[in-house]
């Protein structure tokens, strides 16, 4: 549930940033995190949920040169094609040498 942009139930001011407020997902009440020190909603009694910042992932956001990027996969296709060609040659050789 989006917290930022909603009005605080206590002071009627908009919550600018999500980490400044908390919400009750049961009844849809929004309050500023500093204005409401209780952990439960006074409307329905359910616990508030506060916005948690996501953990930074530097590897996901990093730019990697092409040489360091993982292969997209194509080696298996080359291996299957090579095995098929080898099987055709072996079968052809066997058919030519087994003639009565």
Protein backbone atom coordinates (compact mmCIF):
# COMPACT_ATOMS: atom_id res chain seq x y z
CA UNK A 1 0.00 0.00 0.00
CA UNK A 2 1.42 3.39 -0.95
CA UNK A 3 2.06 5.60 2.06
CA UNK A 4 3.53 8.72 0.40
CA UNK A 5 0.96 11.29 -0.77
CA UNK A 6 -1.78 10.28 1.69
CA UNK A 7 -3.05 12.50 4.51
CA UNK A 8 -2.15 11.80 8.11
CA UNK A 9 -5.22 11.00 10.22
CA UNK A 10 -3.86 12.95 13.21
CA UNK A 11 -2.53 16.21 11.70
CA UNK A 12 -4.25 16.12 8.24
CA UNK A 13 -0.95 16.95 6.49
CA UNK A 14 0.31 14.95 3.54
CA UNK A 15 2.94 12.30 4.17
CA UNK A 16 5.71 13.32 1.78
CA UNK A 17 8.09 10.35 1.97
CA UNK A 18 7.05 6.74 2.58
CA UNK A 19 9.58 6.25 5.39
CA UNK A 20 7.97 9.16 7.32
CA UNK A 21 4.65 7.39 7.80
CA UNK A 22 2.97 4.13 8.63
CA UNK A 23 -0.32 2.59 7.64
CA UNK A 24 -2.94 0.17 8.85
CA UNK A 25 -3.64 -2.17 5.94
CA UNK A 26 -6.84 -3.39 7.59
CA UNK A 27 -8.74 -0.06 7.67
CA UNK A 28 -6.53 2.13 5.45
CA UNK A 29 -5.50 4.66 8.12
CA UNK A 30 -2.31 6.65 7.47
CA UNK A 31 -0.31 8.45 10.17
CA UNK A 32 3.08 10.10 10.45
CA UNK A 33 5.58 7.81 12.11
CA UNK A 34 6.68 10.46 14.60
CA UNK A 35 3.16 11.65 15.44
CA UNK A 36 1.75 8.26 16.38
CA UNK A 37 3.90 6.40 18.89
CA UNK A 38 1.51 3.48 19.34
CA UNK A 39 2.15 0.27 17.42
CA UNK A 40 -1.55 -0.42 16.80
CA UNK A 41 -4.25 1.50 14.97
CA UNK A 42 -6.71 3.35 17.22
CA UNK A 43 -9.52 2.82 14.67
CA UNK A 44 -9.44 -0.98 14.29
CA UNK A 45 -6.73 -2.17 16.71
CA UNK A 46 -4.60 -3.85 14.02
CA UNK A 47 -0.81 -3.32 14.01
CA UNK A 48 0.65 -0.56 11.83
CA UNK A 49 2.98 -1.40 8.97
CA UNK A 50 5.92 0.88 8.33
CA UNK A 51 7.75 1.24 5.03
CA UNK A 52 11.04 -0.65 5.04
CA UNK A 53 13.77 0.59 2.74
CA UNK A 54 15.02 -2.12 0.38
CA UNK A 55 18.53 -3.36 0.93
CA UNK A 56 21.01 -1.97 -1.61
CA UNK A 57 22.39 -4.51 -4.07
CA UNK A 58 25.59 -3.10 -5.59
CA UNK A 59 26.10 -6.09 -7.91
CA UNK A 60 22.69 -5.63 -9.51
CA UNK A 61 23.26 -1.92 -10.07
CA UNK A 62 26.87 -2.23 -11.24
CA UNK A 63 27.91 -1.89 -14.86
CA UNK A 64 29.87 -4.91 -15.96
CA UNK A 65 32.03 -4.99 -19.09
CA UNK A 66 30.95 -7.51 -21.72
CA UNK A 67 33.90 -9.80 -20.91
CA UNK A 68 32.75 -10.15 -17.28
CA UNK A 69 29.05 -10.76 -17.99
CA UNK A 70 27.75 -14.31 -17.62
CA UNK A 71 27.16 -16.24 -20.82
CA UNK A 72 23.59 -16.22 -22.09
CA UNK A 73 23.76 -19.89 -23.02
CA UNK A 74 24.50 -21.20 -26.44
CA UNK A 75 27.18 -23.67 -25.54
CA UNK A 76 24.60 -26.40 -25.02
CA UNK A 77 23.24 -25.84 -28.53
CA UNK A 78 26.71 -26.14 -30.04
CA UNK A 79 27.34 -29.32 -28.03
CA UNK A 80 24.06 -30.90 -29.18
CA UNK A 81 24.75 -29.95 -32.81
CA UNK A 82 28.27 -31.38 -32.59
CA UNK A 83 26.98 -34.62 -31.08
CA UNK A 84 24.35 -34.93 -33.84
CA UNK A 85 26.94 -34.41 -36.59
CA UNK A 86 29.26 -36.93 -34.94
CA UNK A 87 26.42 -39.46 -34.70
CA UNK A 88 25.63 -39.00 -38.41
CA UNK A 89 29.27 -39.63 -39.36
CA UNK A 90 29.49 -42.71 -37.12
CA UNK A 91 26.25 -44.14 -38.54
CA UNK A 92 27.39 -43.43 -42.09
CA UNK A 93 30.72 -45.15 -41.45
CA UNK A 94 29.02 -48.17 -39.94
CA UNK A 95 26.58 -48.46 -42.83
CA UNK A 96 29.39 -48.30 -45.38
CA UNK A 97 31.59 -50.88 -43.64
CA UNK A 98 28.89 -53.45 -42.87
CA UNK A 99 27.89 -54.05 -46.52
CA UNK A 100 27.44 -57.78 -47.28
